[in-house]
Amino acid sequence: MKIFRTDEFALPLPEGHRFPMSKYALLRQRVEAAGIVQPAELIAAPAAGDEEITRAHTAEYLRRVKNGELTAKELRRIGFPWSPQMVERSRRSSGATIAAARAALREDAMCAVNLAGGTHHAFADRGEGYCVFNDAAIAARAVQAEGLAQRIVVVDCDVHQGNGTAKIFEHDPTVFTFSIHGAKNFPFHKETSDLDVALPDGADDATYLAALREALPGVLECARADLAIYLAGADPYFDDAFGRMKLTKPGLLERDRFVLESCRALDLPVAITMAGGYAKRVEDTADIHFQTVVLAAEM
């Protein structure tokens, strides 16, 4: 199994900023220390190129991101200040998901991991919610353009709805978008995925897993996909600052197991991204992401 890393491209964030950029370095360190893969299989992510990005985003939006021409309002909506590092980091995060999708489709393991990614709030013409480019959309369009896959399913288990992904693929029957998320959580205006499962604040392991087990088999049947892109968000965790759900680490591991086993039963390759995670202790977020990676390596 191949794992793609981006932690060396950290953003310069103001002191006190609430995005836990350190989680990526902690996760990579845990993966290295555990020896989950050979050193040659833990790969620095390539950067997504302009042609790859503009299959999912408008050329005008890309130009303005590259040139630092986003307005103050647009940057507040994204949540990061503009910098050349922000642009490079966003390219690398998207490039890692493209690389993971290619690896999952081309190799016997049928599974590959981006140790970042899951930037599902980015729309074709704008970013928001810590998301500049939509890596799942960029990767889906890349493998389609390269003839590696015709149909894609996005299985989004981040606690927040994948609104940007839903909107980008709104009229595209080749990509099935599924999101299981908090009904009252961000984004407060939801887009329409092919299937949305909205759960109440305080949903626990049993509630969440029952809803996932009811929905996912039908999603995979309807999607008839050649590739799944799985957003394994850590933010349904009970001690997440933004999550508002009550899942435990064992519950999140069972979520991952059900998703990956369901895909494996169909011989469906999976590209995994980490998506959100804002636990009050960043080590808890790294733990949750790490158990996702370990499980993927074991399957």
Protein backbone atom coordinates (compact mmCIF):
# COMPACT_ATOMS: atom_id res chain seq x y z
CA MET A 1 0.00 0.00 0.00
CA LYS A 2 1.25 3.48 -0.82
CA ILE A 3 0.86 6.45 1.51
CA PHE A 4 1.28 10.06 0.39
CA ARG A 5 2.41 12.76 2.81
CA THR A 6 2.21 16.55 2.71
CA ASP A 7 3.27 17.59 6.21
CA GLU A 8 6.51 19.17 4.97
CA PHE A 9 4.34 21.83 3.27
CA ALA A 10 2.89 23.35 6.45
CA LEU A 11 1.13 26.71 6.37
CA PRO A 12 2.41 29.76 8.26
CA LEU A 13 -0.64 30.43 10.45
CA PRO A 14 -1.16 33.28 12.92
CA GLU A 15 -0.61 32.49 16.59
CA GLY A 16 -3.79 31.13 18.13
CA HIS A 17 -5.25 29.92 14.82
CA ARG A 18 -7.61 27.01 15.47
CA PHE A 19 -6.62 24.77 12.55
CA PRO A 20 -4.39 21.97 13.96
CA MET A 21 -1.73 21.89 11.25
CA SER A 22 0.53 19.86 13.56
CA LYS A 23 -1.76 16.83 13.23
CA TYR A 24 -0.22 16.02 9.82
CA ALA A 25 3.34 15.84 11.14
CA LEU A 26 2.20 13.83 14.17
CA LEU A 27 0.38 11.39 11.92
CA ARG A 28 3.34 10.94 9.58
CA GLN A 29 5.63 10.38 12.57
CA ARG A 30 3.29 7.70 13.91
CA VAL A 31 3.16 5.98 10.52
CA GLU A 32 6.94 6.03 10.18
CA ALA A 33 7.53 4.76 13.72
CA ALA A 34 5.06 1.90 13.26
CA GLY A 35 6.70 0.73 10.03
CA ILE A 36 3.30 0.28 8.40
CA VAL A 37 4.86 0.55 4.95
CA GLN A 38 8.38 0.44 3.57
CA PRO A 39 10.12 3.84 3.46
CA ALA A 40 9.81 3.89 -0.34
CA GLU A 41 6.03 3.59 0.00
CA LEU A 42 5.71 6.73 2.17
CA ILE A 43 5.92 9.28 -0.59
CA ALA A 44 6.08 13.07 -0.69
CA ALA A 45 3.00 14.15 -2.58
CA PRO A 46 3.26 15.60 -6.09
CA ALA A 47 1.62 18.95 -6.74
CA ALA A 48 -1.58 19.04 -8.76
CA GLY A 49 -1.05 20.98 -11.98
CA ASP A 50 -3.23 23.69 -13.47
CA GLU A 51 -4.86 21.33 -15.97
CA GLU A 52 -5.77 18.89 -13.21
CA ILE A 53 -7.18 21.61 -10.96
CA THR A 54 -9.27 23.25 -13.68
CA ARG A 55 -11.14 20.04 -14.41
CA ALA A 56 -12.91 20.74 -11.10
CA HIS A 57 -12.38 24.49 -10.58
CA THR A 58 -12.81 27.50 -12.81
CA ALA A 59 -9.70 28.88 -14.46
CA GLU A 60 -10.52 32.32 -13.03
CA TYR A 61 -10.63 31.01 -9.47
CA LEU A 62 -7.32 29.19 -9.91
CA ARG A 63 -5.71 32.32 -11.38
CA ARG A 64 -6.86 34.45 -8.45
CA VAL A 65 -5.63 31.90 -5.91
CA LYS A 66 -2.24 31.66 -7.61
CA ASN A 67 -1.80 35.43 -7.85
CA GLY A 68 -3.01 36.27 -4.34
CA GLU A 69 -6.03 38.16 -5.66
CA LEU A 70 -8.67 36.73 -3.33
CA THR A 71 -10.53 39.40 -1.38
CA ALA A 72 -10.35 39.70 2.40
CA LYS A 73 -13.91 38.36 2.57
CA GLU A 74 -12.99 35.33 0.47
CA LEU A 75 -9.97 34.62 2.65
CA ARG A 76 -12.07 34.90 5.81
CA ARG A 77 -14.43 32.36 4.31
CA ILE A 78 -11.52 30.00 3.65
CA GLY A 79 -10.03 30.63 7.08
CA PHE A 80 -6.38 30.89 6.04
CA PRO A 81 -4.35 33.98 5.10
CA TRP A 82 -3.00 33.92 1.54
CA SER A 83 0.64 33.00 1.06
CA PRO A 84 2.67 31.17 -1.58
CA GLN A 85 2.82 28.29 0.91
CA MET A 86 -1.00 28.17 1.01
CA VAL A 87 -1.08 27.72 -2.76
CA GLU A 88 1.63 25.05 -2.75
CA ARG A 89 0.09 23.22 0.20
CA SER A 90 -3.30 23.15 -1.54
CA ARG A 91 -1.73 21.83 -4.74
CA ARG A 92 0.12 19.12 -2.82
CA SER A 93 -2.94 18.03 -0.88
CA SER A 94 -4.86 17.63 -4.13
CA GLY A 95 -1.91 15.96 -5.82
CA ALA A 96 -1.73 13.43 -2.99
CA THR A 97 -5.34 12.40 -3.54
CA ILE A 98 -4.76 12.07 -7.28
CA ALA A 99 -1.72 9.89 -6.55
CA ALA A 100 -3.65 7.78 -4.04
CA ALA A 101 -6.48 7.26 -6.54
CA ARG A 102 -4.03 6.20 -9.24
CA ALA A 103 -2.23 3.84 -6.87
CA ALA A 104 -5.47 2.24 -5.68
CA LEU A 105 -6.58 1.64 -9.26
CA ARG A 106 -3.26 0.37 -10.57
CA GLU A 107 -1.92 -1.79 -7.74
CA ASP A 108 -2.92 -5.08 -6.14
CA ALA A 109 -3.45 -3.54 -2.70
CA MET A 110 -6.55 -1.74 -4.06
CA CYS A 111 -6.10 0.88 -1.34
CA ALA A 112 -3.91 3.95 -0.95
CA VAL A 113 -3.85 6.81 1.53
CA ASN A 114 -3.39 10.56 1.51
CA LEU A 115 -2.29 11.63 5.00
CA ALA A 116 -4.12 14.91 4.39
CA GLY A 117 -6.88 15.88 1.95
CA GLY A 118 -10.63 15.76 2.32
CA THR A 119 -11.08 19.45 1.42
CA HIS A 120 -14.73 19.01 0.55
CA HIS A 121 -15.97 22.57 1.20
CA ALA A 122 -14.21 24.00 -1.87
CA PHE A 123 -16.59 24.86 -4.74
CA ALA A 124 -15.66 25.26 -8.38
CA ASP A 125 -15.27 29.02 -7.97
CA ARG A 126 -14.52 29.55 -4.29
CA GLY A 127 -13.14 28.04 -1.13
CA GLU A 128 -14.45 27.91 2.41
CA GLY A 129 -14.07 26.03 5.67
CA TYR A 130 -10.26 25.55 5.48
CA CYS A 131 -10.61 24.24 1.91
CA VAL A 132 -8.98 25.95 -1.08
CA PHE A 133 -9.14 23.24 -3.77
CA ASN A 134 -11.47 20.22 -3.68
CA ASP A 135 -9.05 17.30 -3.78
CA ALA A 136 -11.72 14.59 -4.16
CA ALA A 137 -13.24 16.36 -7.16
CA ILE A 138 -9.83 17.00 -8.72
CA ALA A 139 -8.79 13.37 -8.23
CA ALA A 140 -12.07 11.98 -9.58
CA ARG A 141 -11.79 14.05 -12.73
CA ALA A 142 -8.09 13.15 -13.11
CA VAL A 143 -8.58 9.38 -13.11
CA GLN A 144 -11.55 9.74 -15.43
CA ALA A 145 -9.50 11.84 -17.87
CA GLU A 146 -6.69 9.28 -17.74
CA GLY A 147 -9.08 6.41 -18.50
CA LEU A 148 -8.39 4.68 -15.18
CA ALA A 149 -12.00 4.87 -13.97
CA GLN A 150 -15.34 5.85 -15.43
CA ARG A 151 -17.55 6.01 -12.34
CA ILE A 152 -16.57 7.29 -8.88
CA VAL A 153 -18.28 7.19 -5.50
CA VAL A 154 -17.35 9.74 -2.82
CA VAL A 155 -18.02 8.33 0.65
CA ASP A 156 -17.83 11.36 2.92
CA CYS A 157 -17.80 10.56 6.64
CA ASP A 158 -16.52 13.92 7.82
CA VAL A 159 -18.88 15.42 10.42
CA HIS A 160 -19.59 18.35 8.08
CA GLN A 161 -21.51 17.96 4.83
CA GLY A 162 -19.38 17.82 1.69
CA ASN A 163 -21.16 20.80 0.19
CA GLY A 164 -18.52 21.75 -2.36
CA THR A 165 -18.24 18.18 -3.64
CA ALA A 166 -22.02 17.88 -3.91
CA LYS A 167 -22.26 21.11 -5.90
CA ILE A 168 -19.38 20.34 -8.26
CA PHE A 169 -20.92 16.98 -9.20
CA GLU A 170 -24.53 18.15 -9.02
CA HIS A 171 -25.19 17.39 -12.70
CA ASP A 172 -22.58 14.66 -13.20
CA PRO A 173 -24.11 11.15 -13.19
CA THR A 174 -20.65 9.53 -13.28
CA VAL A 175 -19.85 10.61 -9.70
CA PHE A 176 -22.10 9.53 -6.81
CA THR A 177 -21.77 11.76 -3.73
CA PHE A 178 -22.70 10.40 -0.30
CA SER A 179 -22.36 12.43 2.89
CA ILE A 180 -23.20 11.39 6.46
CA HIS A 181 -22.91 14.44 8.70
CA GLY A 182 -24.35 16.59 11.45
CA ALA A 183 -27.69 18.09 10.48
CA LYS A 184 -27.16 21.34 12.38
CA ASN A 185 -23.41 21.68 11.91
CA PHE A 186 -21.45 23.70 9.35
CA PRO A 187 -22.19 24.39 6.53
CA PHE A 188 -25.46 25.94 7.58
CA HIS A 189 -26.71 25.97 3.99
CA LYS A 190 -26.43 22.41 2.75
CA GLU A 191 -26.12 21.45 -0.90
CA THR A 192 -27.77 18.28 -2.22
CA SER A 193 -25.61 15.17 -2.49
CA ASP A 194 -26.85 12.09 -4.29
CA LEU A 195 -27.53 10.83 -0.77
CA ASP A 196 -27.32 12.86 2.42
CA VAL A 197 -27.74 11.29 5.85
CA ALA A 198 -28.10 14.07 8.42
CA LEU A 199 -27.70 13.08 12.08
CA PRO A 200 -28.63 15.01 15.22
CA ASP A 201 -26.20 16.68 17.59
CA GLY A 202 -25.00 14.17 20.15
CA ALA A 203 -25.24 11.14 17.85
CA ASP A 204 -23.26 8.30 19.42
CA ASP A 205 -21.54 5.19 18.08
CA ALA A 206 -24.73 3.15 17.89
CA THR A 207 -26.77 5.85 16.16
CA TYR A 208 -24.05 6.69 13.67
CA LEU A 209 -23.13 3.11 12.79
CA ALA A 210 -26.76 2.07 12.36
CA ALA A 211 -27.32 4.93 9.91
CA LEU A 212 -24.12 4.12 8.00
CA ARG A 213 -24.93 0.41 7.79
CA GLU A 214 -28.38 1.19 6.47
CA ALA A 215 -27.19 3.66 3.83
CA LEU A 216 -23.84 2.51 2.47
CA PRO A 217 -24.81 -0.77 0.77
CA GLY A 218 -27.41 1.04 -1.31
CA VAL A 219 -24.95 3.81 -2.12
CA LEU A 220 -22.40 1.35 -3.48
CA GLU A 221 -25.07 -0.51 -5.42
CA CYS A 222 -26.40 2.65 -7.03
CA ALA A 223 -22.95 4.11 -7.72
CA ARG A 224 -21.64 1.10 -9.68
CA ALA A 225 -18.25 2.72 -9.20
CA ASP A 226 -14.76 1.84 -10.34
CA LEU A 227 -13.20 3.82 -7.47
CA ALA A 228 -14.26 5.02 -4.02
CA ILE A 229 -12.79 8.16 -2.49
CA TYR A 230 -13.27 7.87 1.28
CA LEU A 231 -13.16 10.94 3.51
CA ALA A 232 -12.40 9.42 6.92
CA GLY A 233 -13.00 12.50 9.05
CA ALA A 234 -11.87 12.35 12.67
CA ASP A 235 -14.30 15.09 13.69
CA PRO A 236 -17.33 12.99 14.74
CA TYR A 237 -15.20 12.28 17.85
CA PHE A 238 -16.85 13.23 21.15
CA ASP A 239 -14.06 15.61 22.16
CA ASP A 240 -13.78 17.41 18.82
CA ALA A 241 -14.04 21.19 19.11
CA PHE A 242 -16.33 21.47 16.06
CA GLY A 243 -17.93 18.03 15.82
CA ARG A 244 -21.00 18.08 18.11
CA MET A 245 -21.25 14.28 17.93
CA LYS A 246 -20.32 11.65 20.51
CA LEU A 247 -18.37 8.93 18.69
CA THR A 248 -15.53 7.16 20.44
CA LYS A 249 -12.25 6.01 18.91
CA PRO A 250 -13.51 2.38 18.76
CA GLY A 251 -16.69 3.62 17.11
CA LEU A 252 -14.73 5.52 14.49
CA LEU A 253 -12.57 2.47 13.86
CA GLU A 254 -15.70 0.38 13.33
CA ARG A 255 -16.94 3.03 10.89
CA ASP A 256 -13.70 2.72 8.92
CA ARG A 257 -13.87 -1.06 9.01
CA PHE A 258 -17.42 -1.12 7.67
CA VAL A 259 -16.61 1.26 4.82
CA LEU A 260 -13.44 -0.54 3.78
CA GLU A 261 -14.89 -4.04 4.13
CA SER A 262 -17.95 -3.00 2.11
CA CYS A 263 -15.69 -1.76 -0.68
CA ARG A 264 -13.44 -4.81 -0.52
CA ALA A 265 -16.44 -7.12 -0.83
CA LEU A 266 -17.12 -5.48 -4.19
CA ASP A 267 -13.43 -5.43 -5.26
CA LEU A 268 -13.74 -1.65 -5.26
CA PRO A 269 -10.42 0.25 -5.00
CA VAL A 270 -10.35 2.97 -2.35
CA ALA A 271 -8.38 6.21 -2.06
CA ILE A 272 -8.52 7.38 1.56
CA THR A 273 -8.20 10.97 2.74
CA MET A 274 -8.09 12.17 6.35
CA ALA A 275 -10.52 15.14 6.12
CA GLY A 276 -11.40 17.05 9.31
CA GLY A 277 -10.26 16.59 12.88
CA TYR A 278 -10.13 19.29 15.57
CA ALA A 279 -9.96 17.41 18.87
CA LYS A 280 -9.11 19.49 21.92
CA ARG A 281 -5.97 17.35 22.17
CA VAL A 282 -4.32 17.17 18.76
CA GLU A 283 -2.93 13.78 19.76
CA ASP A 284 -6.47 12.40 19.77
CA THR A 285 -6.98 13.52 16.18
CA ALA A 286 -3.68 11.91 15.20
CA ASP A 287 -4.74 8.71 16.98
CA ILE A 288 -7.99 8.54 15.01
CA HIS A 289 -6.31 9.17 11.68
CA PHE A 290 -3.59 6.66 12.56
CA GLN A 291 -6.05 3.88 13.28
CA THR A 292 -7.61 4.51 9.86
CA VAL A 293 -4.22 4.09 8.19
CA VAL A 294 -3.36 0.95 10.17
CA LEU A 295 -6.69 -0.64 9.26
CA ALA A 296 -6.22 0.19 5.57
CA ALA A 297 -2.75 -1.40 5.63
CA GLU A 298 -4.11 -4.58 7.20
CA MET A 299 -6.90 -5.11 4.67
